[in-house]
């Protein structure tokens, strides 16, 4: 049985993969993202879910990995998407999707590989 933190990381990884799949489906350009509300909602929802899941990671895990992942801003991004969706900057969402999500995905995969059965 995996620890609760690793279970959450597996779900975070899955949402990162959803974002990657969505970007591959709709196109790797901000213009495509900016012009398609479905594209925006899909990516935004996954970012919201990642932020929600990250807030449930144990304080010990977040502290242990804080030098690699900024957990606080991730939860903050969730709050921005959830509460300011209509006015949320599409540029920020896009930048998060193409810059931060691949780093988070690699981190999750590394953590899950290192401790597959804990």
PDB file of N, CA and C in Angstrom:
ATOM      1  N   UNK A   1       0.845  -1.185   0.000  1.00  0.00           N
ATOM      2  CA  UNK A   1       0.000   0.000   0.000  1.00  0.00           C
ATOM      3  C   UNK A   1       0.884   1.241   0.000  1.00  0.00           C
ATOM      4  N   UNK A   2       0.575   2.165  -0.860  1.00  0.00           N
ATOM      5  CA  UNK A   2       1.351   3.391  -0.937  1.00  0.00           C
ATOM      6  C   UNK A   2       0.921   4.348   0.168  1.00  0.00           C
ATOM      7  N   UNK A   3       1.882   5.153   0.598  1.00  0.00           N
ATOM      8  CA  UNK A   3       1.585   6.164   1.602  1.00  0.00           C
ATOM      9  C   UNK A   3       0.596   7.169   1.014  1.00  0.00           C
ATOM     10  N   UNK A   4      -0.145   7.876   1.878  1.00  0.00           N
ATOM     11  CA  UNK A   4      -1.065   8.901   1.367  1.00  0.00           C
ATOM     12  C   UNK A   4      -0.361   9.953   0.499  1.00  0.00           C
ATOM     13  N   UNK A   5       0.853  10.336   0.859  1.00  0.00           N
ATOM     14  CA  UNK A   5       1.575  11.309   0.039  1.00  0.00           C
ATOM     15  C   UNK A   5       1.850  10.758  -1.353  1.00  0.00           C
ATOM     16  N   UNK A   6       2.277   9.512  -1.434  1.00  0.00           N
ATOM     17  CA  UNK A   6       2.553   8.919  -2.743  1.00  0.00           C
ATOM     18  C   UNK A   6       1.271   8.720  -3.544  1.00  0.00           C
ATOM     19  N   UNK A   7       0.177   8.411  -2.863  1.00  0.00           N
ATOM     20  CA  UNK A   7      -1.100   8.302  -3.564  1.00  0.00           C
ATOM     21  C   UNK A   7      -1.491   9.645  -4.162  1.00  0.00           C
ATOM     22  N   UNK A   8      -1.299  10.713  -3.406  1.00  0.00           N
ATOM     23  CA  UNK A   8      -1.607  12.050  -3.922  1.00  0.00           C
ATOM     24  C   UNK A   8      -0.681  12.398  -5.088  1.00  0.00           C
ATOM     25  N   UNK A   9       0.600  12.065  -4.958  1.00  0.00           N
ATOM     26  CA  UNK A   9       1.537  12.334  -6.055  1.00  0.00           C
ATOM     27  C   UNK A   9       1.133  11.581  -7.325  1.00  0.00           C
ATOM     28  N   UNK A  10       0.616  10.386  -7.170  1.00  0.00           N
ATOM     29  CA  UNK A  10       0.157   9.629  -8.339  1.00  0.00           C
ATOM     30  C   UNK A  10      -1.010  10.350  -9.018  1.00  0.00           C
ATOM     31  N   UNK A  11      -1.909  10.899  -8.228  1.00  0.00           N
ATOM     32  CA  UNK A  11      -3.031  11.655  -8.798  1.00  0.00           C
ATOM     33  C   UNK A  11      -2.553  12.962  -9.429  1.00  0.00           C
ATOM     34  N   UNK A  12      -1.604  13.619  -8.773  1.00  0.00           N
ATOM     35  CA  UNK A  12      -1.029  14.845  -9.347  1.00  0.00           C
ATOM     36  C   UNK A  12      -0.377  14.523 -10.682  1.00  0.00           C
ATOM     37  N   UNK A  13       0.377  13.433 -10.717  1.00  0.00           N
ATOM     38  CA  UNK A  13       1.010  12.997 -11.972  1.00  0.00           C
ATOM     39  C   UNK A  13      -0.040  12.792 -13.057  1.00  0.00           C
ATOM     40  N   UNK A  14      -1.150  12.170 -12.700  1.00  0.00           N
ATOM     41  CA  UNK A  14      -2.199  11.917 -13.684  1.00  0.00           C
ATOM     42  C   UNK A  14      -2.761  13.218 -14.252  1.00  0.00           C
ATOM     43  N   UNK A  15      -2.943  14.228 -13.410  1.00  0.00           N
ATOM     44  CA  UNK A  15      -3.424  15.524 -13.910  1.00  0.00           C
ATOM     45  C   UNK A  15      -2.362  16.221 -14.765  1.00  0.00           C
ATOM     46  N   UNK A  16      -1.105  16.063 -14.406  1.00  0.00           N
ATOM     47  CA  UNK A  16      -0.031  16.596 -15.255  1.00  0.00           C
ATOM     48  C   UNK A  16      -0.076  15.941 -16.631  1.00  0.00           C
ATOM     49  N   UNK A  17      -0.292  14.634 -16.651  1.00  0.00           N
ATOM     50  CA  UNK A  17      -0.387  13.922 -17.926  1.00  0.00           C
ATOM     51  C   UNK A  17      -1.611  14.375 -18.720  1.00  0.00           C
ATOM     52  N   UNK A  18      -2.702  14.672 -18.031  1.00  0.00           N
ATOM     53  CA  UNK A  18      -3.890  15.198 -18.715  1.00  0.00           C
ATOM     54  C   UNK A  18      -3.586  16.532 -19.383  1.00  0.00           C
ATOM     55  N   UNK A  19      -2.857  17.388 -18.688  1.00  0.00           N
ATOM     56  CA  UNK A  19      -2.475  18.678 -19.276  1.00  0.00           C
ATOM     57  C   UNK A  19      -1.600  18.447 -20.503  1.00  0.00           C
ATOM     58  N   UNK A  20      -0.633  17.554 -20.381  1.00  0.00           N
ATOM     59  CA  UNK A  20       0.244  17.244 -21.511  1.00  0.00           C
ATOM     60  C   UNK A  20      -0.567  16.720 -22.700  1.00  0.00           C
ATOM     61  N   UNK A  21      -1.501  15.824 -22.422  1.00  0.00           N
ATOM     62  CA  UNK A  21      -2.349  15.256 -23.474  1.00  0.00           C
ATOM     63  C   UNK A  21      -3.204  16.347 -24.131  1.00  0.00           C
ATOM     64  N   UNK A  22      -3.739  17.248 -23.327  1.00  0.00           N
ATOM     65  CA  UNK A  22      -4.567  18.334 -23.853  1.00  0.00           C
ATOM     66  C   UNK A  22      -3.747  19.264 -24.734  1.00  0.00           C
ATOM     67  N   UNK A  23      -2.551  19.601 -24.288  1.00  0.00           N
ATOM     68  CA  UNK A  23      -1.676  20.462 -25.090  1.00  0.00           C
ATOM     69  C   UNK A  23      -1.340  19.785 -26.418  1.00  0.00           C
ATOM     70  N   UNK A  24      -1.058  18.503 -26.381  1.00  0.00           N
ATOM     71  CA  UNK A  24      -0.757  17.779 -27.619  1.00  0.00           C
ATOM     72  C   UNK A  24      -1.973  17.725 -28.543  1.00  0.00           C
ATOM     73  N   UNK A  25      -3.150  17.636 -27.968  1.00  0.00           N
ATOM     74  CA  UNK A  25      -4.373  17.569 -28.766  1.00  0.00           C
ATOM     75  C   UNK A  25      -4.700  18.903 -29.435  1.00  0.00           C
ATOM     76  N   UNK A  26      -4.636  19.984 -28.681  1.00  0.00           N
ATOM     77  CA  UNK A  26      -5.073  21.288 -29.182  1.00  0.00           C
ATOM     78  C   UNK A  26      -3.962  22.091 -29.854  1.00  0.00           C
ATOM     79  N   UNK A  27      -2.722  21.802 -29.500  1.00  0.00           N
ATOM     80  CA  UNK A  27      -1.613  22.527 -30.105  1.00  0.00           C
ATOM     81  C   UNK A  27      -0.764  23.244 -29.068  1.00  0.00           C
ATOM     82  N   UNK A  28       0.513  23.322 -29.363  1.00  0.00           N
ATOM     83  CA  UNK A  28       1.480  23.903 -28.435  1.00  0.00           C
ATOM     84  C   UNK A  28       1.674  25.384 -28.645  1.00  0.00           C
ATOM     85  N   UNK A  29       0.625  26.112 -28.913  1.00  0.00           N
ATOM     86  CA  UNK A  29       0.794  27.554 -29.082  1.00  0.00           C
ATOM     87  C   UNK A  29      -0.163  28.296 -28.157  1.00  0.00           C
ATOM     88  N   UNK A  30       0.329  29.409 -27.650  1.00  0.00           N
ATOM     89  CA  UNK A  30      -0.532  30.235 -26.807  1.00  0.00           C
ATOM     90  C   UNK A  30      -1.736  30.723 -27.598  1.00  0.00           C
ATOM     91  N   UNK A  31      -1.561  31.028 -28.883  1.00  0.00           N
ATOM     92  CA  UNK A  31      -2.679  31.512 -29.695  1.00  0.00           C
ATOM     93  C   UNK A  31      -3.816  30.498 -29.728  1.00  0.00           C
ATOM     94  N   UNK A  32      -3.492  29.219 -29.901  1.00  0.00           N
ATOM     95  CA  UNK A  32      -4.527  28.179 -29.903  1.00  0.00           C
ATOM     96  C   UNK A  32      -5.214  28.138 -28.542  1.00  0.00           C
ATOM     97  N   UNK A  33      -4.438  28.201 -27.489  1.00  0.00           N
ATOM     98  CA  UNK A  33      -4.984  28.192 -26.131  1.00  0.00           C
ATOM     99  C   UNK A  33      -5.867  29.412 -25.899  1.00  0.00           C
ATOM    100  N   UNK A  34      -5.379  30.558 -26.304  1.00  0.00           N
ATOM    101  CA  UNK A  34      -6.069  31.820 -26.060  1.00  0.00           C
ATOM    102  C   UNK A  34      -7.411  31.900 -26.783  1.00  0.00           C
ATOM    103  N   UNK A  35      -7.547  31.195 -27.892  1.00  0.00           N
ATOM    104  CA  UNK A  35      -8.759  31.286 -28.711  1.00  0.00           C
ATOM    105  C   UNK A  35      -9.791  30.192 -28.430  1.00  0.00           C
ATOM    106  N   UNK A  36      -9.460  29.244 -27.552  1.00  0.00           N
ATOM    107  CA  UNK A  36     -10.350  28.095 -27.366  1.00  0.00           C
ATOM    108  C   UNK A  36     -10.730  27.934 -25.895  1.00  0.00           C
ATOM    109  N   UNK A  37     -11.976  28.245 -25.581  1.00  0.00           N
ATOM    110  CA  UNK A  37     -12.441  28.178 -24.191  1.00  0.00           C
ATOM    111  C   UNK A  37     -12.391  26.747 -23.641  1.00  0.00           C
ATOM    112  N   UNK A  38     -12.662  25.750 -24.475  1.00  0.00           N
ATOM    113  CA  UNK A  38     -12.581  24.359 -24.007  1.00  0.00           C
ATOM    114  C   UNK A  38     -11.153  24.002 -23.611  1.00  0.00           C
ATOM    115  N   UNK A  39     -10.205  24.432 -24.407  1.00  0.00           N
ATOM    116  CA  UNK A  39      -8.781  24.213 -24.118  1.00  0.00           C
ATOM    117  C   UNK A  39      -8.445  24.866 -22.780  1.00  0.00           C
ATOM    118  N   UNK A  40      -8.852  26.092 -22.591  1.00  0.00           N
ATOM    119  CA  UNK A  40      -8.577  26.826 -21.354  1.00  0.00           C
ATOM    120  C   UNK A  40      -9.200  26.128 -20.151  1.00  0.00           C
ATOM    121  N   UNK A  41     -10.456  25.710 -20.285  1.00  0.00           N
ATOM    122  CA  UNK A  41     -11.136  25.052 -19.159  1.00  0.00           C
ATOM    123  C   UNK A  41     -10.480  23.725 -18.806  1.00  0.00           C
ATOM    124  N   UNK A  42     -10.091  22.976 -19.813  1.00  0.00           N
ATOM    125  CA  UNK A  42      -9.460  21.681 -19.564  1.00  0.00           C
ATOM    126  C   UNK A  42      -8.166  21.837 -18.771  1.00  0.00           C
ATOM    127  N   UNK A  43      -7.310  22.733 -19.226  1.00  0.00           N
ATOM    128  CA  UNK A  43      -6.036  22.955 -18.544  1.00  0.00           C
ATOM    129  C   UNK A  43      -6.269  23.550 -17.153  1.00  0.00           C
ATOM    130  N   UNK A  44      -7.163  24.516 -17.069  1.00  0.00           N
ATOM    131  CA  UNK A  44      -7.432  25.176 -15.787  1.00  0.00           C
ATOM    132  C   UNK A  44      -7.970  24.196 -14.753  1.00  0.00           C
ATOM    133  N   UNK A  45      -8.872  23.306 -15.177  1.00  0.00           N
ATOM    134  CA  UNK A  45      -9.419  22.325 -14.253  1.00  0.00           C
ATOM    135  C   UNK A  45      -8.316  21.427 -13.695  1.00  0.00           C
ATOM    136  N   UNK A  46      -7.426  20.976 -14.568  1.00  0.00           N
ATOM    137  CA  UNK A  46      -6.342  20.107 -14.098  1.00  0.00           C
ATOM    138  C   UNK A  46      -5.411  20.851 -13.149  1.00  0.00           C
ATOM    139  N   UNK A  47      -5.128  22.111 -13.430  1.00  0.00           N
ATOM    140  CA  UNK A  47      -4.304  22.919 -12.523  1.00  0.00           C
ATOM    141  C   UNK A  47      -5.000  23.076 -11.177  1.00  0.00           C
ATOM    142  N   UNK A  48      -6.301  23.314 -11.207  1.00  0.00           N
ATOM    143  CA  UNK A  48      -7.072  23.434  -9.969  1.00  0.00           C
ATOM    144  C   UNK A  48      -6.968  22.141  -9.152  1.00  0.00           C
ATOM    145  N   UNK A  49      -7.141  21.007  -9.808  1.00  0.00           N
ATOM    146  CA  UNK A  49      -7.072  19.718  -9.120  1.00  0.00           C
ATOM    147  C   UNK A  49      -5.680  19.461  -8.540  1.00  0.00           C
ATOM    148  N   UNK A  50      -4.653  19.817  -9.275  1.00  0.00           N
ATOM    149  CA  UNK A  50      -3.279  19.652  -8.784  1.00  0.00           C
ATOM    150  C   UNK A  50      -3.087  20.476  -7.514  1.00  0.00           C
ATOM    151  N   UNK A  51      -3.556  21.712  -7.536  1.00  0.00           N
ATOM    152  CA  UNK A  51      -3.444  22.559  -6.355  1.00  0.00           C
ATOM    153  C   UNK A  51      -4.196  22.001  -5.165  1.00  0.00           C
ATOM    154  N   UNK A  52      -5.372  21.467  -5.427  1.00  0.00           N
ATOM    155  CA  UNK A  52      -6.179  20.865  -4.364  1.00  0.00           C
ATOM    156  C   UNK A  52      -5.459  19.663  -3.762  1.00  0.00           C
ATOM    157  N   UNK A  53      -4.951  18.806  -4.613  1.00  0.00           N
ATOM    158  CA  UNK A  53      -4.227  17.620  -4.146  1.00  0.00           C
ATOM    159  C   UNK A  53      -2.956  17.991  -3.390  1.00  0.00           C
ATOM    160  N   UNK A  54      -2.241  18.990  -3.882  1.00  0.00           N
ATOM    161  CA  UNK A  54      -0.985  19.376  -3.221  1.00  0.00           C
ATOM    162  C   UNK A  54      -1.234  19.896  -1.814  1.00  0.00           C
ATOM    163  N   UNK A  55      -2.392  20.529  -1.605  1.00  0.00           N
ATOM    164  CA  UNK A  55      -2.725  21.016  -0.270  1.00  0.00           C
ATOM    165  C   UNK A  55      -2.927  19.901   0.739  1.00  0.00           C
ATOM    166  N   UNK A  56      -3.169  18.683   0.262  1.00  0.00           N
ATOM    167  CA  UNK A  56      -3.365  17.544   1.153  1.00  0.00           C
ATOM    168  C   UNK A  56      -2.105  16.753   1.432  1.00  0.00           C
ATOM    169  N   UNK A  57      -0.998  17.137   0.827  1.00  0.00           N
ATOM    170  CA  UNK A  57       0.266  16.463   1.142  1.00  0.00           C
ATOM    171  C   UNK A  57       0.662  16.785   2.573  1.00  0.00           C
ATOM    172  N   UNK A  58       1.327  15.856   3.213  1.00  0.00           N
ATOM    173  CA  UNK A  58       1.706  16.068   4.612  1.00  0.00           C
ATOM    174  C   UNK A  58       2.684  17.235   4.731  1.00  0.00           C
ATOM    175  N   UNK A  59       2.608  17.960   5.842  1.00  0.00           N
ATOM    176  CA  UNK A  59       3.566  19.045   6.063  1.00  0.00           C
ATOM    177  C   UNK A  59       5.015  18.549   6.016  1.00  0.00           C
ATOM    178  N   UNK A  60       5.239  17.330   6.469  1.00  0.00           N
ATOM    179  CA  UNK A  60       6.589  16.769   6.468  1.00  0.00           C
ATOM    180  C   UNK A  60       7.099  16.577   5.033  1.00  0.00           C
ATOM    181  N   UNK A  61       6.239  16.040   4.178  1.00  0.00           N
ATOM    182  CA  UNK A  61       6.645  15.828   2.786  1.00  0.00           C
ATOM    183  C   UNK A  61       6.888  17.159   2.098  1.00  0.00           C
ATOM    184  N   UNK A  62       5.993  18.114   2.294  1.00  0.00           N
ATOM    185  CA  UNK A  62       6.169  19.423   1.662  1.00  0.00           C
ATOM    186  C   UNK A  62       7.459  20.082   2.130  1.00  0.00           C
ATOM    187  N   UNK A  63       7.754  19.979   3.420  1.00  0.00           N
ATOM    188  CA  UNK A  63       8.987  20.581   3.947  1.00  0.00           C
ATOM    189  C   UNK A  63      10.221  19.871   3.382  1.00  0.00           C
ATOM    190  N   UNK A  64      10.149  18.557   3.299  1.00  0.00           N
ATOM    191  CA  UNK A  64      11.283  17.764   2.811  1.00  0.00           C
ATOM    192  C   UNK A  64      11.595  18.055   1.343  1.00  0.00           C
ATOM    193  N   UNK A  65      10.588  18.427   0.580  1.00  0.00           N
ATOM    194  CA  UNK A  65      10.770  18.620  -0.859  1.00  0.00           C
ATOM    195  C   UNK A  65      10.647  20.087  -1.286  1.00  0.00           C
ATOM    196  N   UNK A  66      10.582  20.984  -0.338  1.00  0.00           N
ATOM    197  CA  UNK A  66      10.366  22.414  -0.642  1.00  0.00           C
ATOM    198  C   UNK A  66      11.486  23.026  -1.473  1.00  0.00           C
ATOM    199  N   UNK A  67      12.670  22.440  -1.430  1.00  0.00           N
ATOM    200  CA  UNK A  67      13.769  22.962  -2.242  1.00  0.00           C
ATOM    201  C   UNK A  67      13.603  22.606  -3.721  1.00  0.00           C
ATOM    202  N   UNK A  68      12.681  21.706  -4.022  1.00  0.00           N
ATOM    203  CA  UNK A  68      12.471  21.272  -5.413  1.00  0.00           C
ATOM    204  C   UNK A  68      11.141  21.728  -5.997  1.00  0.00           C
ATOM    205  N   UNK A  69      10.122  21.807  -5.160  1.00  0.00           N
ATOM    206  CA  UNK A  69       8.779  22.169  -5.623  1.00  0.00           C
ATOM    207  C   UNK A  69       8.211  23.240  -4.695  1.00  0.00           C
ATOM    208  N   UNK A  70       7.642  24.259  -5.291  1.00  0.00           N
ATOM    209  CA  UNK A  70       7.038  25.340  -4.506  1.00  0.00           C
ATOM    210  C   UNK A  70       5.568  25.004  -4.248  1.00  0.00           C
ATOM    211  N   UNK A  71       5.320  24.332  -3.133  1.00  0.00           N
ATOM    212  CA  UNK A  71       3.972  23.853  -2.833  1.00  0.00           C
ATOM    213  C   UNK A  71       3.010  24.999  -2.527  1.00  0.00           C
ATOM    214  N   UNK A  72       3.468  26.025  -1.839  1.00  0.00           N
ATOM    215  CA  UNK A  72       2.592  27.147  -1.500  1.00  0.00           C
ATOM    216  C   UNK A  72       2.014  27.841  -2.721  1.00  0.00           C
ATOM    217  N   UNK A  73       2.858  28.248  -3.678  1.00  0.00           N
ATOM    218  CA  UNK A  73       2.323  28.871  -4.889  1.00  0.00           C
ATOM    219  C   UNK A  73       1.395  27.942  -5.681  1.00  0.00           C
ATOM    220  N   UNK A  74       1.629  26.638  -5.578  1.00  0.00           N
ATOM    221  CA  UNK A  74       0.762  25.703  -6.280  1.00  0.00           C
ATOM    222  C   UNK A  74      -0.652  25.759  -5.714  1.00  0.00           C
ATOM    223  N   UNK A  75      -0.750  25.781  -4.397  1.00  0.00           N
ATOM    224  CA  UNK A  75      -2.064  25.911  -3.748  1.00  0.00           C
ATOM    225  C   UNK A  75      -2.652  27.283  -4.058  1.00  0.00           C
ATOM    226  N   UNK A  76      -1.810  28.303  -4.103  1.00  0.00           N
ATOM    227  CA  UNK A  76      -2.275  29.644  -4.448  1.00  0.00           C
ATOM    228  C   UNK A  76      -2.836  29.698  -5.857  1.00  0.00           C
ATOM    229  N   UNK A  77      -2.207  28.984  -6.773  1.00  0.00           N
ATOM    230  CA  UNK A  77      -2.700  28.938  -8.151  1.00  0.00           C
ATOM    231  C   UNK A  77      -4.070  28.279  -8.189  1.00  0.00           C
ATOM    232  N   UNK A  78      -4.269  27.265  -7.385  1.00  0.00           N
ATOM    233  CA  UNK A  78      -5.575  26.605  -7.290  1.00  0.00           C
ATOM    234  C   UNK A  78      -6.622  27.615  -6.867  1.00  0.00           C
ATOM    235  N   UNK A  79      -6.291  28.411  -5.855  1.00  0.00           N
ATOM    236  CA  UNK A  79      -7.249  29.399  -5.360  1.00  0.00           C
ATOM    237  C   UNK A  79      -7.567  30.449  -6.417  1.00  0.00           C
ATOM    238  N   UNK A  80      -6.558  30.875  -7.157  1.00  0.00           N
ATOM    239  CA  UNK A  80      -6.794  31.854  -8.224  1.00  0.00           C
ATOM    240  C   UNK A  80      -7.717  31.287  -9.294  1.00  0.00           C
ATOM    241  N   UNK A  81      -7.454  30.064  -9.708  1.00  0.00           N
ATOM    242  CA  UNK A  81      -8.278  29.442 -10.749  1.00  0.00           C
ATOM    243  C   UNK A  81      -9.701  29.241 -10.231  1.00  0.00           C
ATOM    244  N   UNK A  82      -9.832  28.782  -8.998  1.00  0.00           N
ATOM    245  CA  UNK A  82     -11.153  28.482  -8.450  1.00  0.00           C
ATOM    246  C   UNK A  82     -11.992  29.727  -8.217  1.00  0.00           C
ATOM    247  N   UNK A  83     -11.368  30.798  -7.767  1.00  0.00           N
ATOM    248  CA  UNK A  83     -12.142  31.955  -7.324  1.00  0.00           C
ATOM    249  C   UNK A  83     -12.115  33.133  -8.284  1.00  0.00           C
ATOM    250  N   UNK A  84     -11.224  33.114  -9.259  1.00  0.00           N
ATOM    251  CA  UNK A  84     -11.114  34.229 -10.196  1.00  0.00           C
ATOM    252  C   UNK A  84     -11.138  33.757 -11.631  1.00  0.00           C
ATOM    253  N   UNK A  85     -11.827  32.644 -11.894  1.00  0.00           N
ATOM    254  CA  UNK A  85     -11.707  32.043 -13.224  1.00  0.00           C
ATOM    255  C   UNK A  85     -12.022  33.027 -14.343  1.00  0.00           C
ATOM    256  N   UNK A  86     -13.094  33.763 -14.236  1.00  0.00           N
ATOM    257  CA  UNK A  86     -13.482  34.664 -15.308  1.00  0.00           C
ATOM    258  C   UNK A  86     -12.453  35.741 -15.590  1.00  0.00           C
ATOM    259  N   UNK A  87     -11.674  36.098 -14.579  1.00  0.00           N
ATOM    260  CA  UNK A  87     -10.686  37.159 -14.770  1.00  0.00           C
ATOM    261  C   UNK A  87      -9.250  36.651 -14.673  1.00  0.00           C
ATOM    262  N   UNK A  88      -9.085  35.351 -14.604  1.00  0.00           N
ATOM    263  CA  UNK A  88      -7.749  34.767 -14.486  1.00  0.00           C
ATOM    264  C   UNK A  88      -6.967  35.003 -15.776  1.00  0.00           C
ATOM    265  N   UNK A  89      -5.725  35.370 -15.629  1.00  0.00           N
ATOM    266  CA  UNK A  89      -4.860  35.630 -16.775  1.00  0.00           C
ATOM    267  C   UNK A  89      -4.586  34.344 -17.546  1.00  0.00           C
ATOM    268  N   UNK A  90      -4.978  34.314 -18.787  1.00  0.00           N
ATOM    269  CA  UNK A  90      -4.705  33.140 -19.626  1.00  0.00           C
ATOM    270  C   UNK A  90      -3.207  32.960 -19.822  1.00  0.00           C
ATOM    271  N   UNK A  91      -2.463  34.064 -19.805  1.00  0.00           N
ATOM    272  CA  UNK A  91      -1.007  33.961 -19.945  1.00  0.00           C
ATOM    273  C   UNK A  91      -0.398  33.200 -18.763  1.00  0.00           C
ATOM    274  N   UNK A  92      -0.894  33.465 -17.570  1.00  0.00           N
ATOM    275  CA  UNK A  92      -0.377  32.775 -16.378  1.00  0.00           C
ATOM    276  C   UNK A  92      -0.728  31.296 -16.430  1.00  0.00           C
ATOM    277  N   UNK A  93      -1.949  30.986 -16.807  1.00  0.00           N
ATOM    278  CA  UNK A  93      -2.352  29.578 -16.905  1.00  0.00           C
ATOM    279  C   UNK A  93      -1.493  28.868 -17.947  1.00  0.00           C
ATOM    280  N   UNK A  94      -1.309  29.496 -19.104  1.00  0.00           N
ATOM    281  CA  UNK A  94      -0.500  28.898 -20.169  1.00  0.00           C
ATOM    282  C   UNK A  94       0.938  28.685 -19.707  1.00  0.00           C
ATOM    283  N   UNK A  95       1.507  29.706 -19.108  1.00  0.00           N
ATOM    284  CA  UNK A  95       2.898  29.609 -18.649  1.00  0.00           C
ATOM    285  C   UNK A  95       3.049  28.495 -17.614  1.00  0.00           C
ATOM    286  N   UNK A  96       2.083  28.379 -16.739  1.00  0.00           N
ATOM    287  CA  UNK A  96       2.100  27.294 -15.756  1.00  0.00           C
ATOM    288  C   UNK A  96       2.053  25.941 -16.454  1.00  0.00           C
ATOM    289  N   UNK A  97       1.180  25.821 -17.441  1.00  0.00           N
ATOM    290  CA  UNK A  97       1.002  24.549 -18.142  1.00  0.00           C
ATOM    291  C   UNK A  97       2.248  24.116 -18.897  1.00  0.00           C
ATOM    292  N   UNK A  98       2.925  25.057 -19.538  1.00  0.00           N
ATOM    293  CA  UNK A  98       4.057  24.658 -20.388  1.00  0.00           C
ATOM    294  C   UNK A  98       5.407  24.735 -19.685  1.00  0.00           C
ATOM    295  N   UNK A  99       5.475  25.441 -18.562  1.00  0.00           N
ATOM    296  CA  UNK A  99       6.756  25.582 -17.862  1.00  0.00           C
ATOM    297  C   UNK A  99       6.792  24.785 -16.557  1.00  0.00           C
ATOM    298  N   UNK A 100       5.793  24.986 -15.720  1.00  0.00           N
ATOM    299  CA  UNK A 100       5.813  24.381 -14.387  1.00  0.00           C
ATOM    300  C   UNK A 100       5.317  22.936 -14.364  1.00  0.00           C
ATOM    301  N   UNK A 101       4.307  22.639 -15.155  1.00  0.00           N
ATOM    302  CA  UNK A 101       3.732  21.291 -15.129  1.00  0.00           C
ATOM    303  C   UNK A 101       4.733  20.220 -15.572  1.00  0.00           C
ATOM    304  N   UNK A 102       5.537  20.424 -16.613  1.00  0.00           N
ATOM    305  CA  UNK A 102       6.526  19.388 -16.949  1.00  0.00           C
ATOM    306  C   UNK A 102       7.533  19.118 -15.823  1.00  0.00           C
ATOM    307  N   UNK A 103       7.912  20.162 -15.086  1.00  0.00           N
ATOM    308  CA  UNK A 103       8.824  19.993 -13.950  1.00  0.00           C
ATOM    309  C   UNK A 103       8.131  19.184 -12.855  1.00  0.00           C
ATOM    310  N   UNK A 104       6.882  19.523 -12.582  1.00  0.00           N
ATOM    311  CA  UNK A 104       6.115  18.797 -11.564  1.00  0.00           C
ATOM    312  C   UNK A 104       5.911  17.340 -11.975  1.00  0.00           C
ATOM    313  N   UNK A 105       5.617  17.110 -13.232  1.00  0.00           N
ATOM    314  CA  UNK A 105       5.450  15.741 -13.725  1.00  0.00           C
ATOM    315  C   UNK A 105       6.724  14.930 -13.514  1.00  0.00           C
ATOM    316  N   UNK A 106       7.858  15.477 -13.875  1.00  0.00           N
ATOM    317  CA  UNK A 106       9.134  14.767 -13.692  1.00  0.00           C
ATOM    318  C   UNK A 106       9.389  14.476 -12.215  1.00  0.00           C
ATOM    319  N   UNK A 107       9.085  15.439 -11.357  1.00  0.00           N
ATOM    320  CA  UNK A 107       9.260  15.249  -9.915  1.00  0.00           C
ATOM    321  C   UNK A 107       8.374  14.102  -9.418  1.00  0.00           C
ATOM    322  N   UNK A 108       7.101  14.113  -9.799  1.00  0.00           N
ATOM    323  CA  UNK A 108       6.187  13.064  -9.350  1.00  0.00           C
ATOM    324  C   UNK A 108       6.645  11.696  -9.825  1.00  0.00           C
ATOM    325  N   UNK A 109       7.032  11.608 -11.081  1.00  0.00           N
ATOM    326  CA  UNK A 109       7.479  10.321 -11.608  1.00  0.00           C
ATOM    327  C   UNK A 109       8.727   9.829 -10.886  1.00  0.00           C
ATOM    328  N   UNK A 110       9.627  10.745 -10.589  1.00  0.00           N
ATOM    329  CA  UNK A 110      10.841  10.374  -9.850  1.00  0.00           C
ATOM    330  C   UNK A 110      10.487   9.856  -8.456  1.00  0.00           C
ATOM    331  N   UNK A 111       9.630  10.562  -7.749  1.00  0.00           N
ATOM    332  CA  UNK A 111       9.241  10.157  -6.407  1.00  0.00           C
ATOM    333  C   UNK A 111       8.527   8.805  -6.423  1.00  0.00           C
ATOM    334  N   UNK A 112       7.677   8.597  -7.391  1.00  0.00           N
ATOM    335  CA  UNK A 112       6.927   7.341  -7.475  1.00  0.00           C
ATOM    336  C   UNK A 112       7.846   6.177  -7.864  1.00  0.00           C
ATOM    337  N   UNK A 113       8.867   6.441  -8.647  1.00  0.00           N
ATOM    338  CA  UNK A 113       9.838   5.393  -9.000  1.00  0.00           C
ATOM    339  C   UNK A 113      10.692   5.011  -7.797  1.00  0.00           C
ATOM    340  N   UNK A 114      11.084   6.004  -7.018  1.00  0.00           N
ATOM    341  CA  UNK A 114      11.978   5.759  -5.872  1.00  0.00           C
ATOM    342  C   UNK A 114      11.308   4.962  -4.771  1.00  0.00           C
ATOM    343  N   UNK A 115       9.992   5.141  -4.589  1.00  0.00           N
ATOM    344  CA  UNK A 115       9.296   4.474  -3.492  1.00  0.00           C
ATOM    345  C   UNK A 115       8.002   3.846  -3.991  1.00  0.00           C
ATOM    346  N   UNK A 116       8.105   2.846  -4.890  1.00  0.00           N
ATOM    347  CA  UNK A 116       6.899   2.322  -5.513  1.00  0.00           C
ATOM    348  C   UNK A 116       5.942   1.593  -4.562  1.00  0.00           C
ATOM    349  N   UNK A 117       6.433   1.017  -3.485  1.00  0.00           N
ATOM    350  CA  UNK A 117       5.560   0.201  -2.636  1.00  0.00           C
ATOM    351  C   UNK A 117       5.332   0.774  -1.239  1.00  0.00           C
ATOM    352  N   UNK A 118       5.774   1.990  -1.000  1.00  0.00           N
ATOM    353  CA  UNK A 118       5.618   2.544   0.346  1.00  0.00           C
ATOM    354  C   UNK A 118       4.293   3.250   0.461  1.00  0.00           C
TER     355      UNK A 118
END
